[in-house]
Amino acid sequence: MYLIVIAWTYVTLMMAVAEATSPQGTVLAAIITFALYGLLPMGILVYILGTPSRKRAIKAREAEEQAAYDAEQAALREDNPTEAPSGGSASTAPDAGREAAAAPEGDAVAPVRKEG
């Protein structure tokens, strides 16, 4: 990939030099030529071709974070073997207090009827 970038940058640099040194050309036209024929397409190409490596880096970072989280949870379970196996702390576990669920309210809420 980098060979293509280097070669195309060289080609567009030579185009810009030819534009700047030509009797009808200007330095501004040379800069525009280099930017629009060289930098812009190469930036897009590098971004598109670099996508797989960015995805691999993201997956590796996520796997590393997950492994660190799993190790932390294993250490917490070893420190407190009576803790719920869900892995959360006692305050965040769904049934940490070992209390019964709340009873239904019964007829405290009146039913809503459609009018019409």
Protein backbone atom coordinates (compact mmCIF):
# COMPACT_ATOMS: atom_id res chain seq x y z
CA MET A 1 0.00 0.00 0.00
CA TYR A 2 2.77 2.43 0.92
CA LEU A 3 4.52 1.83 -2.40
CA ILE A 4 1.41 3.04 -4.23
CA VAL A 5 1.21 6.11 -1.99
CA ILE A 6 4.88 6.98 -2.50
CA ALA A 7 4.72 6.46 -6.27
CA TRP A 8 1.53 8.50 -6.72
CA THR A 9 2.89 11.28 -4.50
CA TYR A 10 5.99 11.41 -6.67
CA VAL A 11 3.91 11.56 -9.85
CA THR A 12 1.71 14.36 -8.54
CA LEU A 13 4.72 16.24 -7.20
CA MET A 14 6.27 16.13 -10.67
CA MET A 15 2.95 17.32 -12.14
CA ALA A 16 2.94 20.22 -9.69
CA VAL A 17 6.57 21.12 -10.52
CA ALA A 18 5.76 21.05 -14.23
CA GLU A 19 2.74 23.27 -13.60
CA ALA A 20 4.78 25.75 -11.55
CA THR A 21 7.65 25.98 -14.05
CA SER A 22 5.55 26.19 -17.18
CA PRO A 23 5.20 29.63 -18.80
CA GLN A 24 1.40 29.54 -18.47
CA GLY A 25 1.35 27.93 -15.00
CA THR A 26 1.39 29.46 -11.56
CA VAL A 27 2.47 28.33 -8.12
CA LEU A 28 -1.14 28.45 -6.94
CA ALA A 29 -2.15 26.10 -9.76
CA ALA A 30 0.73 23.80 -8.80
CA ILE A 31 -0.45 23.70 -5.17
CA ILE A 32 -4.03 23.00 -6.24
CA THR A 33 -2.85 20.29 -8.63
CA PHE A 34 -0.81 18.61 -5.90
CA ALA A 35 -3.64 18.81 -3.37
CA LEU A 36 -6.47 17.65 -5.64
CA TYR A 37 -4.56 15.04 -7.68
CA GLY A 38 -2.21 13.88 -4.94
CA LEU A 39 -3.14 14.48 -1.32
CA LEU A 40 -6.91 14.08 -1.51
CA PRO A 41 -7.02 10.76 -3.43
CA MET A 42 -4.14 9.32 -1.42
CA GLY A 43 -5.81 10.31 1.84
CA ILE A 44 -8.98 8.51 0.78
CA LEU A 45 -7.01 5.46 -0.40
CA VAL A 46 -5.00 5.21 2.82
CA TYR A 47 -8.17 5.54 4.88
CA ILE A 48 -10.00 2.81 2.94
CA LEU A 49 -7.05 0.42 2.81
CA GLY A 50 -6.27 1.02 6.49
CA THR A 51 -9.75 -0.03 7.65
CA PRO A 52 -8.91 -3.73 8.24
CA SER A 53 -5.92 -2.88 10.42
CA ARG A 54 -7.98 -0.38 12.42
CA LYS A 55 -10.66 -3.04 12.97
CA ARG A 56 -8.01 -5.55 14.10
CA ALA A 57 -6.59 -3.01 16.54
CA ILE A 58 -10.06 -2.28 17.96
CA LYS A 59 -10.82 -6.00 18.39
CA ALA A 60 -7.45 -6.58 20.06
CA ARG A 61 -8.04 -3.68 22.46
CA GLU A 62 -11.55 -4.94 23.28
CA ALA A 63 -10.22 -8.47 23.87
CA GLU A 64 -7.53 -7.09 26.17
CA GLU A 65 -10.11 -5.07 28.12
CA GLN A 66 -12.38 -8.12 28.38
CA ALA A 67 -9.50 -10.27 29.63
CA ALA A 68 -8.62 -7.65 32.26
CA TYR A 69 -12.28 -7.45 33.33
CA ASP A 70 -12.53 -11.25 33.54
CA ALA A 71 -9.35 -11.41 35.63
CA GLU A 72 -10.69 -8.70 37.94
CA GLN A 73 -13.97 -10.56 38.36
CA ALA A 74 -12.16 -13.83 39.07
CA ALA A 75 -10.08 -12.08 41.73
CA LEU A 76 -13.25 -10.64 43.29
CA ARG A 77 -14.86 -14.09 43.37
CA GLU A 78 -11.77 -15.56 45.05
CA ASP A 79 -11.83 -12.79 47.68
CA ASN A 80 -15.55 -13.23 48.39
CA PRO A 81 -16.72 -16.79 47.62
CA THR A 82 -20.26 -16.16 49.01
CA GLU A 83 -20.92 -13.53 46.36
CA ALA A 84 -23.48 -14.22 43.66
CA PRO A 85 -21.99 -15.97 40.61
CA SER A 86 -23.23 -13.19 38.33
CA GLY A 87 -19.91 -11.43 38.81
CA GLY A 88 -21.34 -8.09 39.96
CA SER A 89 -20.88 -6.61 43.38
CA ALA A 90 -23.49 -7.30 46.03
CA SER A 91 -25.22 -3.98 45.45
CA THR A 92 -25.55 -4.43 41.69
CA ALA A 93 -26.49 -8.11 41.59
CA PRO A 94 -30.19 -8.57 40.76
CA ASP A 95 -31.03 -10.61 43.87
CA ALA A 96 -28.23 -9.51 46.16
CA GLY A 97 -30.45 -8.89 49.16
CA ARG A 98 -32.11 -12.31 48.86
CA GLU A 99 -35.48 -10.63 49.38
CA ALA A 100 -38.76 -11.62 47.83
CA ALA A 101 -40.10 -9.62 44.94
CA ALA A 102 -42.68 -6.95 45.69
CA ALA A 103 -46.30 -8.08 45.81
CA PRO A 104 -48.67 -6.83 43.11
CA GLU A 105 -50.59 -3.70 44.01
CA GLY A 106 -53.97 -5.21 43.29
CA ASP A 107 -56.79 -2.77 42.41
CA ALA A 108 -54.89 0.38 43.36
CA VAL A 109 -54.79 1.51 39.73
CA ALA A 110 -58.10 1.94 37.98
CA PRO A 111 -58.46 0.43 34.52
CA VAL A 112 -58.60 2.81 31.57
CA ARG A 113 -61.48 2.42 29.14
CA LYS A 114 -61.75 3.57 25.58
CA GLU A 115 -64.37 6.19 24.95
CA GLY A 116 -66.21 5.98 21.81
